[in-house]
Protein backbone atom coordinates (compact mmCIF):
# COMPACT_ATOMS: atom_id res chain seq x y z
CA MET A 1 -15.05 -36.78 -1.30
CA SER A 2 -17.32 -34.16 -2.36
CA LEU A 3 -21.24 -35.70 -2.24
CA VAL A 4 -20.64 -34.94 -5.97
CA GLU A 5 -18.10 -37.01 -6.03
CA ARG A 6 -19.52 -39.60 -4.07
CA PRO A 7 -22.17 -42.51 -6.29
CA PRO A 8 -25.83 -42.35 -5.37
CA ALA A 9 -26.81 -44.80 -2.81
CA PRO A 10 -28.94 -47.82 -3.03
CA GLY A 11 -31.42 -46.17 -0.77
CA ARG A 12 -34.98 -47.94 -0.74
CA THR A 13 -35.26 -47.47 -4.52
CA ASN A 14 -35.71 -50.57 -6.91
CA PHE A 15 -32.49 -51.84 -8.50
CA ARG A 16 -33.84 -50.27 -12.02
CA HIS A 17 -33.80 -47.07 -10.71
CA TYR A 18 -30.77 -47.38 -8.89
CA ALA A 19 -29.57 -49.03 -11.88
CA GLU A 20 -29.97 -45.71 -13.88
CA ARG A 21 -28.86 -43.66 -11.25
CA LEU A 22 -25.44 -45.33 -10.91
CA ASN A 23 -25.08 -45.44 -14.56
CA ASP A 24 -26.60 -41.34 -14.70
CA PHE A 25 -23.57 -40.93 -12.04
CA LEU A 26 -20.69 -42.59 -13.89
CA VAL A 27 -21.28 -40.86 -17.19
CA ARG A 28 -20.76 -37.31 -15.75
CA THR A 29 -17.74 -38.29 -13.56
CA LYS A 30 -16.01 -41.10 -15.18
CA SER A 31 -12.60 -40.43 -17.41
CA LYS A 32 -13.54 -40.54 -20.80
CA LEU A 33 -9.99 -40.57 -22.24
CA ALA A 34 -9.66 -43.04 -24.92
CA TYR A 35 -8.25 -43.10 -28.33
CA TYR A 36 -9.29 -41.09 -30.87
CA VAL A 37 -10.40 -42.82 -34.20
CA ALA A 38 -10.44 -41.32 -36.86
CA GLY A 39 -14.11 -40.47 -38.06
CA ASP A 40 -14.92 -40.16 -34.49
CA THR A 41 -17.63 -36.94 -34.30
CA PRO A 42 -17.36 -35.01 -31.28
CA THR A 43 -20.84 -35.28 -30.13
CA GLU A 44 -20.66 -32.56 -26.76
CA ASP A 45 -17.78 -30.28 -26.08
CA GLY A 46 -15.66 -30.90 -23.71
CA ILE A 47 -14.03 -34.51 -24.29
CA VAL A 48 -10.54 -35.77 -23.66
CA LEU A 49 -9.38 -38.83 -26.30
CA TYR A 50 -5.63 -39.67 -27.11
CA ASP A 51 -4.82 -39.65 -30.54
CA ARG A 52 -2.84 -42.28 -31.70
CA VAL A 53 0.10 -40.00 -32.82
CA GLY A 54 0.51 -38.88 -29.69
CA TYR A 55 -1.37 -36.63 -27.85
CA PRO A 56 -4.75 -35.49 -26.93
CA VAL A 57 -7.72 -34.02 -28.35
CA VAL A 58 -10.66 -31.59 -27.03
CA SER A 59 -14.12 -31.43 -28.42
CA LYS A 60 -15.16 -27.92 -29.08
CA ASP A 61 -17.08 -25.99 -31.09
CA ASN A 62 -17.89 -29.72 -32.99
CA GLU A 63 -14.38 -30.42 -33.98
CA TRP A 64 -11.14 -31.81 -32.28
CA ARG A 65 -8.46 -29.71 -30.88
CA GLN A 66 -5.12 -30.62 -29.26
CA ILE A 67 -4.21 -29.91 -26.72
CA VAL A 68 -0.78 -28.73 -26.32
CA LEU A 69 1.20 -30.44 -23.72
CA ALA A 70 3.90 -28.85 -21.82
CA ASP A 71 7.79 -28.90 -23.29
CA GLY A 72 8.67 -27.15 -26.18
CA TYR A 73 9.91 -23.91 -24.56
CA ALA A 74 13.51 -22.33 -24.04
CA GLU A 75 14.98 -18.84 -23.65
CA VAL A 76 18.59 -18.67 -25.65
CA SER A 77 20.97 -16.45 -25.30
CA ARG A 78 24.35 -15.06 -26.67
CA THR A 79 25.51 -12.58 -23.52
CA THR A 80 28.92 -11.53 -25.40
CA SER A 81 29.22 -9.45 -28.43
CA GLN A 82 29.93 -11.71 -32.09
CA THR A 83 31.50 -9.98 -34.97
CA ALA A 84 31.45 -11.26 -39.17
CA THR A 85 34.43 -12.97 -40.60
CA ALA A 86 33.44 -11.30 -43.66
CA ALA A 87 31.19 -8.51 -45.75
CA ASP A 88 28.35 -10.74 -47.46
CA THR A 89 29.02 -13.32 -45.49
CA VAL A 90 26.70 -15.85 -43.23
CA GLN A 91 27.19 -15.64 -39.68
CA ASN A 92 25.29 -17.86 -37.23
CA ILE A 93 25.14 -17.09 -33.91
CA SER A 94 27.04 -19.36 -31.19
CA PHE A 95 24.65 -18.79 -27.80
CA ASP A 96 26.32 -19.37 -24.43
CA THR A 97 23.55 -19.47 -22.24
CA ILE A 98 20.19 -21.50 -22.00
CA SER A 99 17.46 -21.46 -19.15
CA GLY A 100 14.15 -23.77 -19.17
CA ASP A 101 13.97 -27.23 -19.17
CA GLY A 102 11.56 -28.00 -22.10
CA GLY A 103 12.85 -29.98 -24.41
CA ILE A 104 15.01 -27.83 -26.49
CA THR A 105 19.33 -27.68 -26.10
CA ILE A 106 22.06 -25.98 -27.87
CA ASP A 107 24.35 -28.84 -29.32
CA ALA A 108 26.63 -29.62 -26.57
CA THR A 109 29.27 -29.68 -30.18
CA ASP A 110 28.52 -26.38 -31.92
CA ALA A 111 26.73 -23.89 -30.48
CA THR A 112 24.89 -22.77 -33.34
CA LYS A 113 22.91 -24.99 -33.24
CA ILE A 114 19.09 -25.32 -31.43
CA VAL A 115 17.69 -28.86 -30.94
CA PHE A 116 14.58 -30.09 -30.58
CA ALA A 117 13.36 -33.10 -29.18
CA GLU A 118 10.05 -32.76 -29.99
CA GLY A 119 8.30 -31.84 -33.83
CA GLY A 120 5.80 -29.13 -33.27
CA LEU A 121 4.80 -25.55 -34.62
CA TYR A 122 7.37 -23.18 -32.38
CA GLN A 123 7.45 -19.68 -32.55
CA LEU A 124 10.51 -17.35 -31.66
CA ASN A 125 10.50 -14.11 -30.53
CA GLY A 126 13.46 -11.40 -29.05
CA HIS A 127 15.67 -9.17 -30.10
CA LEU A 128 19.47 -9.39 -31.49
CA GLN A 129 21.49 -5.59 -30.32
CA LEU A 130 23.45 -4.15 -33.56
CA ARG A 131 26.37 -2.03 -33.20
CA SER A 132 27.61 0.38 -36.05
CA SER A 133 31.34 1.85 -35.81
CA SER A 134 30.93 4.46 -38.73
CA GLY A 135 28.68 6.49 -39.84
CA SER A 136 28.32 5.01 -43.53
CA ALA A 137 25.19 3.18 -44.36
CA LYS A 138 24.97 -0.40 -43.50
CA THR A 139 22.91 -3.52 -43.45
CA PHE A 140 22.43 -5.96 -41.38
CA TYR A 141 20.67 -9.39 -42.98
CA TYR A 142 19.19 -12.35 -40.20
CA TRP A 143 16.89 -15.00 -41.05
CA VAL A 144 16.44 -18.24 -39.32
CA ALA A 145 17.95 -21.81 -40.94
CA LEU A 146 16.45 -24.93 -40.07
CA ASP A 147 18.45 -28.43 -40.26
CA GLY A 148 20.71 -26.02 -42.41
CA VAL A 149 18.45 -24.45 -44.63
CA ASN A 150 17.54 -21.05 -45.05
CA SER A 151 13.92 -20.73 -44.47
CA GLY A 152 12.06 -18.34 -47.27
CA HIS A 153 13.11 -14.91 -46.03
CA SER A 154 14.29 -12.66 -43.85
CA GLU A 155 14.54 -9.21 -41.74
CA ARG A 156 17.19 -6.59 -42.67
CA GLU A 157 17.74 -3.11 -40.89
CA THR A 158 20.21 -0.45 -42.31
CA VAL A 159 22.15 1.49 -39.58
CA HIS A 160 24.07 4.83 -40.70
CA GLU A 161 24.63 6.28 -36.97
CA ASN A 162 28.21 5.73 -35.74
CA ASN A 163 28.98 4.69 -32.35
CA SER A 164 25.06 3.57 -31.58
CA SER A 165 23.22 0.86 -30.48
CA HIS A 166 20.03 -0.93 -32.49
CA THR A 167 17.93 -3.66 -31.86
CA ILE A 168 16.12 -5.58 -34.53
CA GLY A 169 13.60 -7.48 -33.28
CA VAL A 170 12.69 -11.11 -34.10
CA ASN A 171 9.14 -13.29 -34.66
CA ASP A 172 8.73 -15.97 -36.37
CA LEU A 173 6.54 -19.40 -37.05
CA VAL A 174 8.23 -22.35 -38.24
CA ASN A 175 7.76 -25.95 -38.07
CA ILE A 176 10.30 -27.81 -36.61
CA PRO A 177 10.82 -32.01 -36.90
CA GLU A 178 11.34 -34.25 -34.24
CA GLY A 179 14.89 -34.17 -33.51
CA SER A 180 16.23 -31.25 -35.81
CA HIS A 181 17.91 -28.43 -35.00
CA ILE A 182 16.83 -23.96 -36.24
CA GLN A 183 20.73 -22.01 -36.61
CA ILE A 184 20.34 -17.63 -36.07
CA ARG A 185 21.94 -16.63 -39.16
CA TRP A 186 23.02 -13.23 -39.67
CA ALA A 187 25.37 -10.97 -41.94
CA VAL A 188 26.90 -7.70 -42.46
CA ASP A 189 27.30 -5.40 -46.15
CA ASP A 190 30.26 -3.92 -43.93
CA THR A 191 31.78 -5.90 -40.61
CA ASP A 192 31.10 -2.11 -38.75
CA LEU A 193 27.88 -3.53 -38.05
CA TRP A 194 27.66 -6.33 -35.41
CA ILE A 195 25.54 -7.87 -32.83
CA ASP A 196 26.59 -6.19 -29.57
CA ALA A 197 26.48 -7.16 -25.70
CA THR A 198 26.84 -4.50 -23.94
CA ALA A 199 28.27 -4.42 -19.82
CA ALA A 200 25.82 -3.71 -16.79
CA THR A 201 25.98 -0.24 -15.41
CA ALA A 202 25.18 1.06 -11.70
CA PHE A 203 21.85 1.27 -12.61
CA ALA A 204 20.35 -1.14 -15.36
CA PRO A 205 21.90 -5.08 -15.68
CA GLN A 206 24.10 -6.20 -18.79
CA ALA A 207 22.12 -6.03 -22.29
CA ASN A 208 22.65 -9.69 -24.24
CA ALA A 209 23.73 -9.87 -28.11
CA ALA A 210 20.71 -12.20 -28.61
CA ASN A 211 17.76 -13.62 -26.39
CA ILE A 212 15.38 -16.08 -28.41
CA TYR A 213 12.48 -17.25 -26.69
CA ILE A 214 10.92 -20.29 -28.11
CA THR A 215 7.70 -21.67 -27.42
CA ARG A 216 5.79 -24.90 -28.76
CA ILE A 217 1.94 -23.15 -29.87
CA GLN A 218 0.63 -26.90 -31.62
CA GLN A 219 1.96 -30.10 -31.29
């Protein structure tokens, strides 16, 4: 224990002065973690309280800010190619690999579903690798579904080249309730375009058809 952490010695001071010194020491060093109650006002920076909804908050700049706990992260991948069953038809990416142990899993009975043990605001980043087998213009569509309901927007990429690879970036914020799942959906207007996995070469590792990185940024 450092000198700063040790309580003051009584020494030859009178009881009142010692009590004041001891009280000052306890105020400086004791844990301030207690339950947050609606209406509590932060009087200084650095006060940590436990919100009754289940997550701690810390005072900063005259407001309470949530502390993001561990869990809520993963990388999910599809390591093989996936083609569309038909043009202009919704496809769900079926994932085969997950890394990280952050409360996110691939559903055991439906590998298109990414399941979240805890709720929060999650950021999705990553990429899908596309492959074309004709020189005609083809459009690829990407979007996210939460519990089977489509999000309010999609991303699109038009490919013209034959026998070429393209990459479409993934960048979404999704507010996901506890126990819910998302699916990464896509479609094409021509089945000559698909998500493609490429084998490793002598100098470069393999390229997956899909890599999605998931991080919780708010609980």
